[in-house]
Amino acid sequence: MLTKKMRILLMITAVILTAIAFVFQDYFRGTIYLAIGMVLFYGYFSAGSVYTALNCVKKGRIEKAKILLAENDKISSHLMRQHKAYYYFLKGFFAMEEKNEDEAESFFLQALENGMKTENDKAMICLNLSKIYYNRHEIEKARQYINMAKQYEHKHEVGKLITEMKKKL
């Protein structure tokens, strides 16, 4: 998982090595360096640093995750579908943290649309949407999303939170 700066540095290195190889007529190595640079370039625009930010959240490094995620704001439309889903998931998570439920709702819905990787993650999004609708006194929508969350295969910890939310409803 490479940061934006690391990817750019590696792309520049690949370009320099390509140029040197071609100057010395080493076309085989030049082609390999060029291919590596292209893969890094493609990876930058299709994956961004979303998973790096997600790992930071899992480790409790929230501020670092926010910085990494912000690097993806300009390229979010170019991210692969699954990376885009986690981009929106994290944006929703940060919006919830800042008590901006309208924004969080929008991001969580976009994350679901783009296809989260695991059922546990889908359950977490549905749980958060249920909380948002509960806080807005939209109980029927809250029930709908908590029932969706229950249907997904989820970890025990998420199951406890779903049960707690279900009791409130």
Protein backbone atom coordinates (compact mmCIF):
# COMPACT_ATOMS: atom_id res chain seq x y z
CA MET A 1 0.00 0.00 0.00
CA LEU A 2 1.79 3.03 -1.29
CA THR A 3 1.13 6.65 -0.43
CA LYS A 4 0.74 9.28 -3.12
CA LYS A 5 4.27 10.62 -2.59
CA MET A 6 5.80 7.14 -2.76
CA ARG A 7 3.95 6.33 -5.99
CA ILE A 8 5.02 9.60 -7.61
CA LEU A 9 8.63 9.03 -6.53
CA LEU A 10 8.57 5.50 -7.96
CA MET A 11 6.99 6.74 -11.22
CA ILE A 12 9.71 9.39 -11.61
CA THR A 13 12.36 6.77 -10.88
CA ALA A 14 10.85 4.48 -13.52
CA VAL A 15 10.87 7.30 -16.10
CA ILE A 16 14.50 8.15 -15.34
CA LEU A 17 15.56 4.49 -15.52
CA THR A 18 13.64 4.12 -18.79
CA ALA A 19 15.42 7.13 -20.28
CA ILE A 20 18.83 5.88 -19.15
CA ALA A 21 18.16 2.41 -20.54
CA PHE A 22 17.07 3.79 -23.92
CA VAL A 23 20.07 6.15 -24.09
CA PHE A 24 22.34 3.14 -23.64
CA GLN A 25 20.22 1.18 -26.13
CA ASP A 26 19.16 -1.38 -23.54
CA TYR A 27 15.65 -1.64 -24.94
CA PHE A 28 14.69 -4.71 -22.93
CA ARG A 29 15.29 -3.06 -19.54
CA GLY A 30 13.91 0.22 -20.83
CA THR A 31 10.68 -1.51 -21.76
CA ILE A 32 10.47 -3.17 -18.36
CA TYR A 33 11.02 0.13 -16.54
CA LEU A 34 8.43 1.77 -18.77
CA ALA A 35 5.93 -1.00 -17.98
CA ILE A 36 6.59 -0.62 -14.25
CA GLY A 37 6.00 3.12 -14.51
CA MET A 38 2.75 2.55 -16.38
CA VAL A 39 1.53 0.06 -13.78
CA LEU A 40 2.32 2.55 -11.01
CA PHE A 41 0.51 5.29 -12.93
CA TYR A 42 -2.52 3.07 -13.47
CA GLY A 43 -2.49 2.02 -9.82
CA TYR A 44 -2.40 5.63 -8.70
CA PHE A 45 -5.56 6.49 -10.59
CA SER A 46 -7.46 3.26 -10.12
CA ALA A 47 -6.65 2.42 -6.50
CA GLY A 48 -5.43 5.62 -4.91
CA SER A 49 -4.50 5.28 -1.27
CA VAL A 50 -7.93 4.14 -0.09
CA TYR A 51 -6.82 0.81 1.40
CA THR A 52 -3.86 2.48 3.10
CA ALA A 53 -6.33 4.91 4.71
CA LEU A 54 -8.59 2.00 5.70
CA ASN A 55 -5.67 0.24 7.38
CA CYS A 56 -4.87 3.44 9.28
CA VAL A 57 -8.45 3.54 10.59
CA LYS A 58 -8.18 -0.09 11.71
CA LYS A 59 -5.00 0.82 13.61
CA GLY A 60 -6.63 3.88 15.19
CA ARG A 61 -4.59 6.40 13.21
CA ILE A 62 -7.62 8.47 12.23
CA GLU A 63 -5.88 11.75 11.39
CA LYS A 64 -3.39 9.99 9.11
CA ALA A 65 -6.32 8.18 7.43
CA LYS A 66 -8.10 11.50 6.81
CA ILE A 67 -4.98 12.91 5.15
CA LEU A 68 -4.55 9.82 2.97
CA LEU A 69 -8.20 9.78 2.01
CA ALA A 70 -8.11 13.48 1.09
CA GLU A 71 -5.40 12.63 -1.46
CA ASN A 72 -8.09 10.68 -3.31
CA ASP A 73 -10.65 13.49 -3.50
CA LYS A 74 -9.47 14.69 -6.92
CA ILE A 75 -9.23 11.20 -8.42
CA SER A 76 -12.25 9.58 -6.75
CA SER A 77 -14.17 9.39 -10.03
CA HIS A 78 -11.31 7.32 -11.52
CA LEU A 79 -11.08 4.79 -8.70
CA MET A 80 -12.02 1.18 -9.39
CA ARG A 81 -15.50 0.32 -8.19
CA GLN A 82 -14.47 -1.49 -5.01
CA HIS A 83 -11.90 1.17 -4.08
CA LYS A 84 -14.59 3.78 -4.67
CA ALA A 85 -16.90 1.87 -2.31
CA TYR A 86 -14.32 1.99 0.48
CA TYR A 87 -13.56 5.63 -0.32
CA TYR A 88 -17.24 6.46 0.30
CA PHE A 89 -17.35 4.15 3.33
CA LEU A 90 -14.48 6.06 4.96
CA LYS A 91 -15.96 9.43 3.98
CA GLY A 92 -19.20 8.33 5.66
CA PHE A 93 -17.31 7.12 8.73
CA PHE A 94 -15.56 10.51 9.07
CA ALA A 95 -18.83 12.40 8.47
CA MET A 96 -20.49 10.37 11.28
CA GLU A 97 -17.54 11.17 13.52
CA GLU A 98 -18.13 14.88 12.82
CA LYS A 99 -21.89 14.49 13.49
CA ASN A 100 -22.75 15.31 9.87
CA GLU A 101 -25.42 12.69 9.35
CA ASP A 102 -26.76 14.05 6.04
CA GLU A 103 -23.35 13.76 4.44
CA ALA A 104 -22.72 10.39 6.10
CA GLU A 105 -26.01 9.02 4.74
CA SER A 106 -25.07 10.06 1.21
CA PHE A 107 -21.60 8.51 1.46
CA PHE A 108 -22.85 5.26 2.99
CA LEU A 109 -25.49 4.85 0.29
CA GLN A 110 -22.83 5.41 -2.39
CA ALA A 111 -20.60 2.84 -0.70
CA LEU A 112 -23.39 0.26 -0.85
CA GLU A 113 -24.04 1.09 -4.52
CA ASN A 114 -20.39 0.60 -5.43
CA GLY A 115 -20.16 -2.82 -3.81
CA MET A 116 -18.36 -3.32 -0.54
CA LYS A 117 -15.99 -6.29 -0.48
CA THR A 118 -17.24 -8.14 2.58
CA GLU A 119 -20.66 -8.82 4.02
CA ASN A 120 -19.42 -7.60 7.40
CA ASP A 121 -18.64 -4.20 5.86
CA LYS A 122 -22.09 -4.10 4.24
CA ALA A 123 -23.63 -4.90 7.63
CA MET A 124 -21.66 -2.07 9.25
CA ILE A 125 -22.92 0.39 6.65
CA CYS A 126 -26.52 -0.74 7.13
CA LEU A 127 -26.07 -0.43 10.90
CA ASN A 128 -24.79 3.14 10.51
CA LEU A 129 -27.66 4.02 8.17
CA SER A 130 -30.06 2.58 10.72
CA LYS A 131 -28.54 4.82 13.41
CA ILE A 132 -28.89 7.87 11.15
CA TYR A 133 -32.57 7.16 10.45
CA TYR A 134 -33.22 6.38 14.12
CA ASN A 135 -31.75 9.76 15.10
CA ARG A 136 -34.04 11.42 12.54
CA HIS A 137 -37.04 9.54 13.96
CA GLU A 138 -37.50 7.71 10.64
CA ILE A 139 -38.13 4.44 12.47
CA GLU A 140 -39.41 2.45 9.49
CA LYS A 141 -36.26 3.21 7.47
CA ALA A 142 -34.14 2.43 10.52
CA ARG A 143 -35.84 -0.97 10.83
CA GLN A 144 -35.36 -1.63 7.14
CA TYR A 145 -31.61 -1.08 7.37
CA ILE A 146 -31.14 -2.95 10.64
CA ASN A 147 -32.94 -5.93 9.08
CA MET A 148 -30.65 -5.70 6.05
CA ALA A 149 -27.65 -5.62 8.41
CA LYS A 150 -28.87 -8.79 10.14
CA GLN A 151 -29.10 -10.62 6.80
CA TYR A 152 -25.43 -10.10 5.99
CA GLU A 153 -22.86 -12.46 7.43
CA HIS A 154 -21.11 -10.38 10.08
CA LYS A 155 -18.60 -10.61 12.88
CA HIS A 156 -19.68 -11.14 16.47
CA GLU A 157 -18.88 -7.52 17.46
CA VAL A 158 -21.07 -6.15 14.69
CA GLY A 159 -23.78 -8.61 15.69
CA LYS A 160 -23.81 -7.17 19.21
CA LEU A 161 -24.25 -3.65 17.83
CA ILE A 162 -27.04 -4.82 15.55
CA THR A 163 -28.82 -6.45 18.51
CA GLU A 164 -28.47 -3.26 20.56
CA MET A 165 -29.91 -1.18 17.72
CA LYS A 166 -32.72 -3.67 17.17
CA LYS A 167 -33.73 -3.28 20.86
CA LYS A 168 -33.98 0.50 20.43
CA LEU A 169 -36.34 0.06 17.54
